[in-house]
Amino acid sequence: MIDENITVSDNSDIDEGGPAELRGYLSKWTNYIHGWQDRFIVLKDSTLSYYKSELESNLGCRGALCLKKAKVKPHEFDDCRFDVSVNDCVWYLRASNPEEKQQWIDVLESFKVESGYGTSSDSSSNGCGLRRHGSVTSLQSTGSHGRTSLRLTEKIAELDTYSELLSKQAVQLQQYFDMCVASYPQISDETVEAIDAVKLADGVDLRMYTGEVRATSTSFRATCGATLATLQHCVELLRRREKQARQAEELYMALKNQLTEARLASKPGPDHEEGPHSTLPDDEFYDAVETGFDKMEEERCARVVPPAERTRDEVELPPPAIDNRLTVHPLWPEIDRISTEQIQAAFEEVGGENGWQLFAEEGDMRMYRREVEVDGMVMDPLKAMHKVRGVSAREMCHYFFNPRYRYEWETTLETMTIVEQVSRDALVFHQTFKRIWPASQRDALFWSHVRASHANTYAVTNHSTTNPDYPPNAGACIRLFVTVCLACRSSWPAGEQPTRDNITTSIAYCSTVNPGGWAPAGVLRAVYKREYPKFLKRFTSYVVDQCRGKPLAI
């Protein structure tokens, strides 16, 4: 199935078996300031190019790689990432899902196969491997072991000696044959029967040369045998030399790959700036995270909400009593127990032996925390106390619970799915959050319950749960585990009817988050100190703005 962000060319060359063409948006890693950025990637004419956007694709590419010599490598841990490299030039690319990543890899690999190159671990895997030839010239140019070279030189010298001996012995035998021909002129070249030169010489004056001829013949036969043995030894030495040449080539490629990996390791890349192996100092890590949050805030401020969406249906307000459908649901015992505990703890005093530390203060807002680490992960419980005038507790919880409004005030939210609608006052959500580079992307699966309590109090409690259709850490996201409670209590002057002008709502926001994976402790606490007050002010301001001009709902 073709992803909607990818376009496969319908060029006739593809139908005839030519290399495929592909284009679409992928995330490309840039640097530790900007992290991953969406880029328009185009595969065409054996070249992989990238542009800032599709609209700028006619203005010239920002970079290109020749695929014939490229190496395509899926990432070991990230299911959506793959790397394309030519020597020490590497593009770190990331698709939106594993299927899209695999589609890109398949097309890239199929192109390389058809062009005669591959990404296996052979000698040409990096496009710079040595070609092997069977000729002596290539063997000499490759080089071999010193001992083999020395023995081969010795054998060649022996062959030179044997050549001289064979030449002299052949001359001596030829002289003797010439003497025989001179003594017996009747012997001609047309004679069919074999002539025994030694027997012929026994009957004439050539008998005196018999011993010499026999000795020369024996030496000639021995020299030929030695020559053949030496030639066989030379062939064996050449085979050894070729084997040593192959081993030297393999060693060369292994060392070259190690050198390439060392060069890549010395360069900043996502594997060295993300996750537990990050080499970023805490201050640079925090700067990058802060930049990500600032960018989200700018996007939120630039977003204009149409007036038609600024409405509130009275029926959607939290019910004053618990829905009966919830009380028969399997999650009810857990929902009731945790919600009761959270509401009770929300308005408890923060002094005394509870260990709460004040870490931020602004106007009516106070932010407290307790420092807790489990297996090296920061799990600090946080508690915020705030007062808002002009809105009721029921209205505050209405906007916090109802998924209809969540995208409007939650800037870090990327996707939201209602897994199960248990009742009017209880839902099960799966949410993925925007990635704040260089930290990994997170998601959460939790039930959310809103209920009324005594003394004009309403509360929304969110708590992590499980669902077989949404397993944790199954994709690119790391699962967060949360327990969050927004408890609100309204008050107004005794003897008066509540109005927008005289109502005040006290807010207690409690949060305990297990990040589910690595993040620097100092950076997390700095982010909490910066972002939690901003979040609470942003949310309360949003509710005040939404309720302006509407009837008060108690």
Protein backbone atom coordinates (compact mmCIF):
# COMPACT_ATOMS: atom_id res chain seq x y z
CA MET A 1 0.00 0.00 0.00
CA ILE A 2 1.39 3.37 -1.05
CA ASP A 3 1.51 6.03 1.63
CA GLU A 4 -0.30 9.23 0.76
CA ASN A 5 2.91 11.22 1.29
CA ILE A 6 4.79 9.17 -1.32
CA THR A 7 4.48 9.30 -5.09
CA VAL A 8 5.79 6.51 -7.30
CA SER A 9 6.50 7.55 -10.87
CA ASP A 10 4.36 5.94 -13.57
CA ASN A 11 7.10 6.37 -16.18
CA SER A 12 7.10 3.68 -18.82
CA ASP A 13 10.70 2.84 -18.00
CA ILE A 14 9.50 1.34 -14.74
CA ASP A 15 7.06 -0.92 -16.54
CA GLU A 16 9.88 -2.13 -18.76
CA GLY A 17 11.96 -3.14 -15.74
CA GLY A 18 13.94 0.07 -15.30
CA PRO A 19 14.76 1.54 -11.88
CA ALA A 20 11.81 2.93 -9.93
CA GLU A 21 11.41 6.59 -9.12
CA LEU A 22 10.07 7.83 -5.81
CA ARG A 23 9.31 11.17 -4.22
CA GLY A 24 7.77 12.31 -0.97
CA TYR A 25 8.36 13.96 2.40
CA LEU A 26 10.77 12.45 4.94
CA SER A 27 12.30 13.87 8.10
CA LYS A 28 16.01 14.59 7.60
CA TRP A 29 18.33 15.16 10.54
CA THR A 30 20.14 18.50 10.32
CA ASN A 31 21.96 19.42 13.54
CA TYR A 32 21.43 19.67 17.27
CA ILE A 33 19.81 23.10 17.00
CA HIS A 34 17.12 22.18 14.49
CA GLY A 35 17.04 18.39 14.87
CA TRP A 36 14.74 16.61 12.40
CA GLN A 37 13.20 18.72 9.65
CA ASP A 38 10.69 17.70 6.96
CA ARG A 39 12.32 17.65 3.54
CA PHE A 40 11.01 16.73 0.08
CA ILE A 41 13.07 13.73 -1.13
CA VAL A 42 13.27 12.74 -4.80
CA LEU A 43 14.78 9.57 -6.31
CA LYS A 44 15.37 10.01 -10.04
CA ASP A 45 18.04 9.17 -12.62
CA SER A 46 20.22 7.23 -10.12
CA THR A 47 20.32 10.27 -7.82
CA LEU A 48 18.70 10.87 -4.43
CA SER A 49 18.07 14.60 -3.96
CA TYR A 50 16.35 16.66 -1.29
CA TYR A 51 14.58 20.01 -1.27
CA LYS A 52 13.22 22.15 1.52
CA SER A 53 9.69 21.63 0.16
CA GLU A 54 7.91 20.40 -2.94
CA LEU A 55 7.24 23.99 -3.96
CA GLU A 56 10.99 24.65 -4.10
CA SER A 57 11.81 21.51 -6.10
CA ASN A 58 12.13 23.58 -9.29
CA LEU A 59 14.69 25.92 -7.71
CA GLY A 60 17.48 23.36 -7.42
CA CYS A 61 18.20 20.72 -4.81
CA ARG A 62 19.93 21.36 -1.51
CA GLY A 63 21.93 18.15 -1.69
CA ALA A 64 22.25 14.93 -3.68
CA LEU A 65 23.73 11.45 -3.41
CA CYS A 66 24.67 9.04 -6.22
CA LEU A 67 22.79 5.85 -5.42
CA LYS A 68 25.10 3.61 -7.44
CA LYS A 69 27.70 3.85 -4.69
CA ALA A 70 25.38 4.40 -1.72
CA LYS A 71 24.82 2.15 1.26
CA VAL A 72 21.28 1.89 2.65
CA LYS A 73 21.03 0.79 6.27
CA PRO A 74 17.88 0.49 8.45
CA HIS A 75 18.34 1.77 11.99
CA GLU A 76 18.88 -0.82 14.70
CA PHE A 77 16.27 0.52 17.15
CA ASP A 78 14.17 3.18 15.42
CA ASP A 79 11.54 1.40 13.29
CA CYS A 80 10.93 4.50 11.18
CA ARG A 81 14.55 5.48 10.44
CA PHE A 82 17.10 4.52 7.79
CA ASP A 83 20.47 5.96 6.75
CA VAL A 84 21.86 6.47 3.24
CA SER A 85 25.62 6.95 3.01
CA VAL A 86 28.34 7.39 0.40
CA ASN A 87 31.74 7.05 2.06
CA ASP A 88 31.60 9.48 5.01
CA CYS A 89 28.62 11.49 3.73
CA VAL A 90 25.49 10.27 5.53
CA TRP A 91 21.85 11.25 5.30
CA TYR A 92 19.82 10.32 8.38
CA LEU A 93 16.21 9.92 7.19
CA ARG A 94 13.03 9.13 9.09
CA ALA A 95 9.63 8.13 7.70
CA SER A 96 6.30 8.71 9.40
CA ASN A 97 5.74 4.97 9.92
CA PRO A 98 7.61 1.65 9.46
CA GLU A 99 5.67 0.77 6.29
CA GLU A 100 6.71 4.00 4.57
CA LYS A 101 10.32 3.45 5.65
CA GLN A 102 10.32 -0.07 4.21
CA GLN A 103 8.86 1.18 0.94
CA TRP A 104 11.72 3.65 0.52
CA ILE A 105 14.31 1.00 1.38
CA ASP A 106 12.80 -1.51 -1.06
CA VAL A 107 12.86 0.99 -3.93
CA LEU A 108 16.41 2.10 -3.14
CA GLU A 109 17.62 -1.50 -2.89
CA SER A 110 15.85 -2.57 -6.09
CA PHE A 111 17.50 0.30 -7.92
CA LYS A 112 20.94 -0.70 -6.64
CA VAL A 113 20.42 -4.34 -7.69
CA GLU A 114 19.46 -3.32 -11.21
CA SER A 115 22.40 -0.95 -11.48
CA GLY A 116 24.85 -3.70 -10.50
CA TYR A 117 25.61 -2.55 -6.98
CA GLY A 118 24.53 -3.86 -3.61
CA THR A 119 24.62 -3.04 0.07
CA SER A 120 25.99 -6.39 1.24
CA SER A 121 29.26 -6.71 3.08
CA ASP A 122 31.28 -7.57 -0.02
CA SER A 123 34.28 -5.60 -1.16
CA SER A 124 32.23 -3.16 -3.15
CA SER A 125 29.71 -2.41 -0.43
CA ASN A 126 30.92 1.14 -0.03
CA GLY A 127 31.40 1.74 -3.72
CA CYS A 128 35.15 1.81 -3.39
CA GLY A 129 36.08 -1.89 -3.27
CA LEU A 130 39.04 -3.37 -5.18
CA ARG A 131 38.23 -5.41 -8.26
CA ARG A 132 39.86 -8.82 -8.39
CA HIS A 133 41.55 -10.04 -11.54
CA GLY A 134 43.12 -13.41 -12.25
CA SER A 135 46.07 -12.04 -14.20
CA VAL A 136 49.63 -11.89 -12.97
CA THR A 137 49.60 -8.12 -13.46
CA SER A 138 46.78 -7.62 -10.99
CA LEU A 139 48.43 -9.95 -8.51
CA GLN A 140 51.67 -8.03 -8.70
CA SER A 141 49.86 -4.73 -8.26
CA THR A 142 47.96 -6.05 -5.25
CA GLY A 143 51.04 -7.22 -3.37
CA SER A 144 51.58 -10.40 -1.32
CA HIS A 145 53.36 -11.90 1.61
CA GLY A 146 57.14 -11.36 1.61
CA ARG A 147 58.02 -15.00 2.12
CA THR A 148 55.91 -16.15 -0.82
CA SER A 149 57.45 -13.48 -3.03
CA LEU A 150 60.97 -14.60 -2.05
CA ARG A 151 60.28 -18.27 -2.77
CA LEU A 152 58.69 -17.42 -6.09
CA THR A 153 61.77 -15.38 -7.02
CA GLU A 154 63.98 -18.35 -6.16
CA LYS A 155 61.91 -20.68 -8.31
CA ILE A 156 62.04 -18.29 -11.25
CA ALA A 157 65.84 -18.22 -10.90
CA GLU A 158 65.85 -22.01 -10.95
CA LEU A 159 63.79 -21.95 -14.14
CA ASP A 160 66.38 -19.62 -15.71
CA THR A 161 69.13 -22.12 -14.80
CA TYR A 162 67.16 -25.05 -16.19
CA SER A 163 66.54 -23.08 -19.37
CA GLU A 164 70.27 -22.60 -19.89
CA LEU A 165 70.96 -26.30 -19.21
CA LEU A 166 68.24 -27.43 -21.60
CA SER A 167 69.62 -25.09 -24.27
CA LYS A 168 73.19 -26.47 -23.93
CA GLN A 169 72.01 -30.10 -23.82
CA ALA A 170 69.80 -29.57 -26.87
CA VAL A 171 72.81 -28.11 -28.76
CA GLN A 172 74.99 -31.13 -27.85
CA LEU A 173 72.32 -33.59 -28.98
CA GLN A 174 71.77 -31.66 -32.19
CA GLN A 175 75.54 -31.76 -32.96
CA TYR A 176 75.58 -35.52 -32.49
CA PHE A 177 72.55 -35.95 -34.77
CA ASP A 178 74.24 -33.78 -37.40
CA MET A 179 77.31 -36.05 -37.27
CA CYS A 180 75.09 -39.10 -37.84
CA VAL A 181 73.43 -37.49 -40.83
CA ALA A 182 76.84 -36.53 -42.30
CA SER A 183 78.11 -40.15 -41.92
CA TYR A 184 74.99 -41.70 -43.50
CA PRO A 185 73.73 -39.46 -46.30
CA GLN A 186 71.05 -42.04 -47.24
CA ILE A 187 69.06 -40.93 -44.20
CA SER A 188 66.58 -38.36 -45.39
CA ASP A 189 63.70 -36.38 -43.95
CA GLU A 190 61.23 -38.64 -45.77
CA THR A 191 62.28 -41.76 -43.79
CA VAL A 192 59.17 -43.27 -42.23
CA GLU A 193 60.65 -45.75 -39.76
CA ALA A 194 62.22 -44.53 -36.53
CA ILE A 195 66.00 -44.31 -36.48
CA ASP A 196 67.96 -45.47 -33.44
CA ALA A 197 70.90 -43.07 -33.53
CA VAL A 198 72.85 -44.96 -30.82
CA LYS A 199 72.43 -48.35 -32.59
CA LEU A 200 73.43 -46.79 -35.86
CA ALA A 201 76.56 -45.33 -34.28
CA ASP A 202 77.63 -48.73 -32.91
CA GLY A 203 78.47 -49.95 -36.36
CA VAL A 204 80.54 -46.99 -37.46
CA ASP A 205 83.21 -44.64 -36.18
CA LEU A 206 80.67 -42.78 -34.07
CA ARG A 207 80.88 -45.45 -31.39
CA MET A 208 83.20 -43.26 -29.42
CA TYR A 209 80.34 -40.76 -28.82
CA THR A 210 77.94 -43.36 -27.46
CA GLY A 211 78.61 -42.69 -23.77
CA GLU A 212 78.46 -38.97 -24.22
CA VAL A 213 75.11 -39.17 -26.04
CA ARG A 214 73.61 -41.39 -23.37
CA ALA A 215 74.82 -39.07 -20.60
CA THR A 216 73.48 -36.01 -22.41
CA SER A 217 70.10 -37.70 -22.99
CA THR A 218 69.82 -38.67 -19.34
CA SER A 219 70.68 -35.11 -18.27
CA PHE A 220 68.18 -33.70 -20.74
CA ARG A 221 65.43 -35.94 -19.38
CA ALA A 222 66.30 -35.00 -15.77
CA THR A 223 66.37 -31.29 -16.62
CA CYS A 224 62.94 -31.50 -18.25
CA GLY A 225 61.54 -33.27 -15.17
CA ALA A 226 63.02 -30.65 -12.84
CA THR A 227 61.65 -27.88 -15.03
CA LEU A 228 58.13 -29.32 -14.90
CA ALA A 229 58.34 -29.76 -11.10
CA THR A 230 59.52 -26.19 -10.68
CA LEU A 231 56.74 -24.91 -12.90
CA GLN A 232 54.21 -26.83 -10.80
CA HIS A 233 55.71 -25.30 -7.66
CA CYS A 234 55.46 -21.85 -9.21
CA VAL A 235 51.78 -22.39 -9.95
CA GLU A 236 51.20 -23.39 -6.32
CA LEU A 237 53.05 -20.30 -5.12
CA LEU A 238 50.97 -18.13 -7.41
CA ARG A 239 47.79 -19.64 -5.95
CA ARG A 240 49.01 -18.86 -2.45
CA ARG A 241 49.89 -15.38 -3.53
CA GLU A 242 46.40 -14.84 -4.95
CA LYS A 243 44.87 -16.08 -1.70
CA GLN A 244 47.08 -13.71 0.26
CA ALA A 245 46.05 -10.92 -2.08
CA ARG A 246 42.40 -11.62 -1.35
CA GLN A 247 43.07 -11.66 2.39
CA ALA A 248 44.97 -8.39 2.10
CA GLU A 249 42.04 -6.90 0.18
CA GLU A 250 39.55 -8.06 2.79
CA LEU A 251 41.75 -6.66 5.56
CA TYR A 252 41.99 -3.40 3.67
CA MET A 253 38.20 -3.17 3.34
CA ALA A 254 37.69 -4.03 7.01
CA LEU A 255 40.13 -1.32 8.07
CA LYS A 256 38.55 1.11 5.65
CA ASN A 257 35.08 0.43 7.09
CA GLN A 258 36.44 0.91 10.62
CA LEU A 259 37.98 4.20 9.56
CA THR A 260 34.69 5.30 7.99
CA GLU A 261 32.78 4.38 11.15
CA ALA A 262 35.32 6.28 13.24
CA ARG A 263 34.91 9.33 11.02
CA LEU A 264 31.12 9.13 11.31
CA ALA A 265 31.38 8.68 15.07
CA SER A 266 33.40 11.87 15.29
CA LYS A 267 30.67 13.80 13.50
CA PRO A 268 27.48 14.97 15.24
CA GLY A 269 24.61 12.66 14.38
CA PRO A 270 21.26 11.68 15.88
CA ASP A 271 22.68 8.56 17.55
CA HIS A 272 25.15 10.73 19.48
CA GLU A 273 22.66 13.44 20.41
CA GLU A 274 19.53 11.45 21.28
CA GLY A 275 18.74 8.86 23.91
CA PRO A 276 20.95 7.41 26.63
CA HIS A 277 24.10 7.58 24.47
CA SER A 278 23.74 11.32 23.95
CA THR A 279 26.96 13.27 24.15
CA LEU A 280 25.15 16.60 24.43
CA PRO A 281 25.90 18.52 27.64
CA ASP A 282 22.83 19.22 29.78
CA ASP A 283 22.86 22.91 28.93
CA GLU A 284 22.80 22.27 25.17
CA PHE A 285 20.14 19.58 25.66
CA TYR A 286 17.99 22.06 27.60
CA ASP A 287 18.54 24.78 24.98
CA ALA A 288 17.32 22.40 22.26
CA VAL A 289 14.24 21.39 24.28
CA GLU A 290 13.50 25.02 25.10
CA THR A 291 13.71 25.89 21.41
CA GLY A 292 11.18 23.14 20.65
CA PHE A 293 8.70 24.43 23.24
CA ASP A 294 9.12 28.01 22.03
CA LYS A 295 8.35 26.89 18.49
CA MET A 296 5.15 25.17 19.66
CA GLU A 297 4.10 28.29 21.56
CA GLU A 298 4.65 30.42 18.46
CA GLU A 299 2.50 28.04 16.42
CA ARG A 300 -0.25 28.20 19.06
CA CYS A 301 -0.22 31.98 19.12
CA ALA A 302 -0.36 32.11 15.34
CA ARG A 303 -3.38 29.81 15.24
CA VAL A 304 -6.68 31.70 15.09
CA VAL A 305 -9.77 29.90 16.43
CA PRO A 306 -12.87 30.63 14.31
CA PRO A 307 -15.73 32.21 16.29
CA ALA A 308 -18.03 29.32 15.37
CA GLU A 309 -15.88 26.95 17.41
CA ARG A 310 -16.02 29.07 20.54
CA THR A 311 -19.21 27.45 21.77
CA ARG A 312 -20.14 25.26 24.70
CA ASP A 313 -22.95 22.76 24.68
CA GLU A 314 -24.65 22.68 28.08
CA VAL A 315 -25.29 18.95 27.70
CA GLU A 316 -21.53 18.29 27.51
CA LEU A 317 -20.88 19.76 30.95
CA PRO A 318 -19.74 17.20 33.55
CA PRO A 319 -22.78 15.49 35.08
CA PRO A 320 -23.47 16.30 38.75
CA ALA A 321 -23.71 12.57 39.54
CA ILE A 322 -21.72 9.49 38.43
CA ASP A 323 -23.04 7.79 35.30
CA ASN A 324 -24.49 4.36 36.10
CA ARG A 325 -22.78 2.84 33.04
CA LEU A 326 -19.42 3.51 34.65
CA THR A 327 -20.21 1.65 37.86
CA VAL A 328 -20.61 -1.68 36.01
CA HIS A 329 -17.46 -1.31 33.92
CA PRO A 330 -14.38 -3.47 34.78
CA LEU A 331 -12.32 -0.30 35.31
CA TRP A 332 -14.74 1.14 37.88
CA PRO A 333 -13.00 -0.12 41.08
CA GLU A 334 -9.68 1.38 39.96
CA ILE A 335 -11.26 4.60 38.71
CA ASP A 336 -13.22 5.11 41.92
CA ARG A 337 -10.28 4.36 44.23
CA ILE A 338 -7.69 6.51 42.43
CA SER A 339 -10.08 9.40 41.80
CA THR A 340 -11.07 9.50 45.48
CA GLU A 341 -7.41 9.41 46.59
CA GLN A 342 -6.40 12.15 44.14
CA ILE A 343 -9.20 14.52 45.10
CA GLN A 344 -8.41 14.07 48.80
CA ALA A 345 -4.68 14.66 48.24
CA ALA A 346 -5.22 17.65 45.94
CA PHE A 347 -6.36 20.02 48.68
CA GLU A 348 -4.05 18.75 51.43
CA GLU A 349 -1.61 21.23 52.90
CA VAL A 350 1.85 21.28 51.35
CA GLY A 351 3.77 22.09 54.52
CA GLY A 352 4.91 19.92 57.38
CA GLU A 353 6.38 16.50 56.75
CA ASN A 354 5.00 16.07 53.23
CA GLY A 355 8.31 17.19 51.77
CA TRP A 356 6.89 19.60 49.17
CA GLN A 357 9.35 22.23 47.93
CA LEU A 358 8.20 25.53 46.46
CA PHE A 359 10.02 25.97 43.13
CA ALA A 360 7.97 28.61 41.28
CA GLU A 361 5.73 31.46 42.34
CA GLU A 362 3.84 34.00 40.27
CA GLY A 363 0.80 36.00 41.46
CA ASP A 364 -1.77 33.57 42.90
CA MET A 365 0.11 30.57 41.50
CA ARG A 366 2.40 28.37 43.62
CA MET A 367 4.29 25.37 42.18
CA TYR A 368 5.60 22.60 44.47
CA ARG A 369 7.50 19.39 43.87
CA ARG A 370 9.08 16.43 45.65
CA GLU A 371 12.28 15.07 44.14
CA VAL A 372 11.89 11.36 43.38
CA GLU A 373 14.05 9.18 41.12
CA VAL A 374 13.36 5.53 40.26
CA ASP A 375 16.10 3.58 38.44
CA GLY A 376 17.72 6.85 37.39
CA MET A 377 14.48 8.31 35.94
CA VAL A 378 12.98 11.50 37.34
CA MET A 379 9.44 10.92 38.68
CA ASP A 380 8.99 14.08 40.75
CA PRO A 381 5.38 14.54 41.95
CA LEU A 382 4.28 18.09 41.11
CA LYS A 383 1.55 20.18 42.66
CA ALA A 384 0.28 23.58 41.52
CA MET A 385 -2.09 25.81 43.51
CA HIS A 386 -3.84 28.63 41.66
CA LYS A 387 -6.93 30.86 41.79
CA VAL A 388 -9.03 31.96 38.84
CA ARG A 389 -11.85 34.49 38.95
CA GLY A 390 -14.91 34.56 36.77
CA VAL A 391 -15.27 30.81 36.03
CA SER A 392 -16.66 27.88 37.98
CA ALA A 393 -15.11 24.56 38.94
CA ARG A 394 -17.54 22.75 36.66
CA GLU A 395 -16.52 24.89 33.70
CA MET A 396 -12.80 24.37 34.36
CA CYS A 397 -13.22 20.58 34.45
CA HIS A 398 -15.49 20.67 31.41
CA TYR A 399 -12.76 22.09 29.20
CA PHE A 400 -10.05 19.91 30.74
CA PHE A 401 -12.00 16.66 30.27
CA ASN A 402 -13.79 17.16 26.96
CA PRO A 403 -11.66 15.98 23.98
CA ARG A 404 -13.44 18.46 21.74
CA TYR A 405 -11.30 21.33 23.06
CA ARG A 406 -8.04 19.59 23.84
CA TYR A 407 -6.16 20.56 20.67
CA GLU A 408 -6.92 24.20 21.41
CA TRP A 409 -5.05 24.40 24.71
CA GLU A 410 -2.65 21.41 24.65
CA THR A 411 0.23 22.58 22.42
CA THR A 412 2.29 19.38 22.74
CA LEU A 413 -0.49 17.10 21.47
CA GLU A 414 0.09 15.48 18.06
CA THR A 415 -2.68 12.86 17.83
CA MET A 416 -5.58 11.89 20.08
CA THR A 417 -7.73 8.74 19.79
CA ILE A 418 -10.73 7.85 21.93
CA VAL A 419 -10.07 4.16 22.54
CA GLU A 420 -13.29 3.59 24.51
CA GLN A 421 -16.23 5.78 25.51
CA VAL A 422 -17.10 4.18 28.83
CA SER A 423 -19.77 6.69 29.83
CA ARG A 424 -20.54 10.40 29.79
CA ASP A 425 -18.00 10.97 32.56
CA ALA A 426 -15.29 8.43 31.64
CA LEU A 427 -13.22 7.92 28.48
CA VAL A 428 -10.09 5.96 27.55
CA PHE A 429 -7.60 7.95 25.45
CA HIS A 430 -4.47 7.20 23.47
CA GLN A 431 -2.39 10.30 22.81
CA THR A 432 0.92 10.87 21.02
CA PHE A 433 2.86 14.00 21.81
CA LYS A 434 4.94 16.11 19.49
CA ARG A 435 8.57 15.19 19.61
CA ILE A 436 10.71 17.68 21.48
CA TRP A 437 14.16 17.05 20.02
CA PRO A 438 16.57 15.67 21.19
CA ALA A 439 14.29 13.59 23.47
CA SER A 440 12.44 10.64 21.94
CA GLN A 441 8.77 10.94 21.07
CA ARG A 442 6.29 9.88 23.75
CA ASP A 443 2.75 8.53 23.85
CA ALA A 444 0.26 7.74 26.67
CA LEU A 445 -2.72 5.44 27.16
CA PHE A 446 -4.98 6.46 30.06
CA TRP A 447 -8.52 6.60 31.35
CA SER A 448 -10.00 10.00 32.18
CA HIS A 449 -12.84 10.49 34.66
CA VAL A 450 -14.63 13.66 35.71
CA ARG A 451 -16.81 13.76 38.81
CA ALA A 452 -18.48 16.14 41.22
CA SER A 453 -17.54 16.20 44.88
CA HIS A 454 -18.69 18.02 47.99
CA ALA A 455 -18.39 21.79 48.56
CA ASN A 456 -18.81 22.88 44.90
CA THR A 457 -15.88 20.75 43.85
CA TYR A 458 -15.28 19.07 40.50
CA ALA A 459 -12.22 17.04 39.53
CA VAL A 460 -10.76 15.31 36.46
CA THR A 461 -8.42 12.36 37.06
CA ASN A 462 -6.24 10.77 34.37
CA HIS A 463 -4.41 7.52 35.05
CA SER A 464 -2.45 5.16 32.79
CA THR A 465 -4.04 1.88 31.79
CA THR A 466 -3.45 -0.99 29.36
CA ASN A 467 -5.12 -2.19 26.18
CA PRO A 468 -3.97 -5.06 23.92
CA ASP A 469 -4.67 -2.97 20.82
CA TYR A 470 -2.24 -0.28 22.04
CA PRO A 471 0.86 -2.10 23.37
CA PRO A 472 3.59 0.08 24.91
CA ASN A 473 6.80 0.86 23.00
CA ALA A 474 5.57 -1.00 19.91
CA GLY A 475 6.57 1.75 17.49
CA ALA A 476 8.78 4.80 17.55
CA CYS A 477 7.16 6.23 20.70
CA ILE A 478 8.14 5.60 24.30
CA ARG A 479 5.14 5.08 26.60
CA LEU A 480 4.56 7.62 29.37
CA PHE A 481 2.87 6.52 32.60
CA VAL A 482 0.84 9.29 34.20
CA THR A 483 -1.38 10.10 37.14
CA VAL A 484 -2.85 13.58 36.81
CA CYS A 485 -5.62 15.28 38.75
CA LEU A 486 -7.19 18.71 38.18
CA ALA A 487 -9.34 19.47 41.23
CA CYS A 488 -11.32 22.72 41.28
CA ARG A 489 -13.41 24.24 44.09
CA SER A 490 -15.60 27.31 43.61
CA SER A 491 -16.55 29.88 46.25
CA TRP A 492 -18.48 33.15 46.35
CA PRO A 493 -19.60 35.59 49.07
CA ALA A 494 -22.09 34.17 51.55
CA GLY A 495 -25.67 35.25 50.98
CA GLU A 496 -25.08 36.14 47.31
CA GLN A 497 -25.86 34.30 44.10
CA PRO A 498 -22.75 33.25 42.16
CA THR A 499 -21.96 35.41 39.15
CA ARG A 500 -19.02 35.97 36.84
CA ASP A 501 -18.06 38.96 38.97
CA ASN A 502 -18.01 37.34 42.42
CA ILE A 503 -17.02 33.71 41.83
CA THR A 504 -13.50 32.45 42.52
CA THR A 505 -12.23 28.97 41.74
CA SER A 506 -9.28 27.46 43.59
CA ILE A 507 -7.31 25.01 41.45
CA ALA A 508 -5.09 22.16 42.62
CA TYR A 509 -3.22 20.49 39.77
CA CYS A 510 -1.30 17.33 40.75
CA SER A 511 0.90 15.35 38.36
CA THR A 512 3.18 12.33 38.61
CA VAL A 513 4.80 11.31 35.33
CA ASN A 514 7.09 8.38 34.62
CA PRO A 515 8.88 9.40 31.39
CA GLY A 516 9.24 5.72 30.44
CA GLY A 517 12.79 6.22 29.21
CA TRP A 518 15.96 8.19 29.55
CA ALA A 519 16.07 11.96 29.95
CA PRO A 520 18.64 14.07 31.89
CA ALA A 521 17.39 14.69 35.42
CA GLY A 522 18.58 18.28 35.52
CA VAL A 523 17.00 19.06 32.17
CA LEU A 524 13.65 17.51 33.15
CA ARG A 525 13.45 19.53 36.34
CA ALA A 526 14.39 22.71 34.47
CA VAL A 527 11.68 21.98 31.89
CA TYR A 528 9.10 21.36 34.64
CA LYS A 529 9.98 24.67 36.27
CA ARG A 530 9.59 26.49 32.96
CA GLU A 531 6.64 24.69 31.35
CA TYR A 532 4.21 23.80 34.15
CA PRO A 533 3.46 27.42 35.16
CA LYS A 534 3.11 28.34 31.47
CA PHE A 535 0.75 25.43 30.90
CA LEU A 536 -1.48 26.28 33.87
CA LYS A 537 -1.66 29.96 32.92
CA ARG A 538 -2.36 29.08 29.30
CA PHE A 539 -5.16 26.65 30.21
CA THR A 540 -6.87 28.90 32.75
CA SER A 541 -6.68 31.87 30.37
CA TYR A 542 -8.22 29.71 27.66
CA VAL A 543 -11.15 28.75 29.92
CA VAL A 544 -11.74 32.35 31.01
CA ASP A 545 -11.76 33.41 27.35
CA GLN A 546 -14.15 30.61 26.35
CA CYS A 547 -16.59 31.40 29.18
CA ARG A 548 -16.70 35.13 28.60
CA GLY A 549 -20.23 36.22 27.74
CA LYS A 550 -21.77 32.80 28.48
CA PRO A 551 -24.11 31.88 31.36
CA LEU A 552 -22.34 30.69 34.49
CA ALA A 553 -22.55 26.88 34.98
CA ILE A 554 -22.23 25.81 38.59
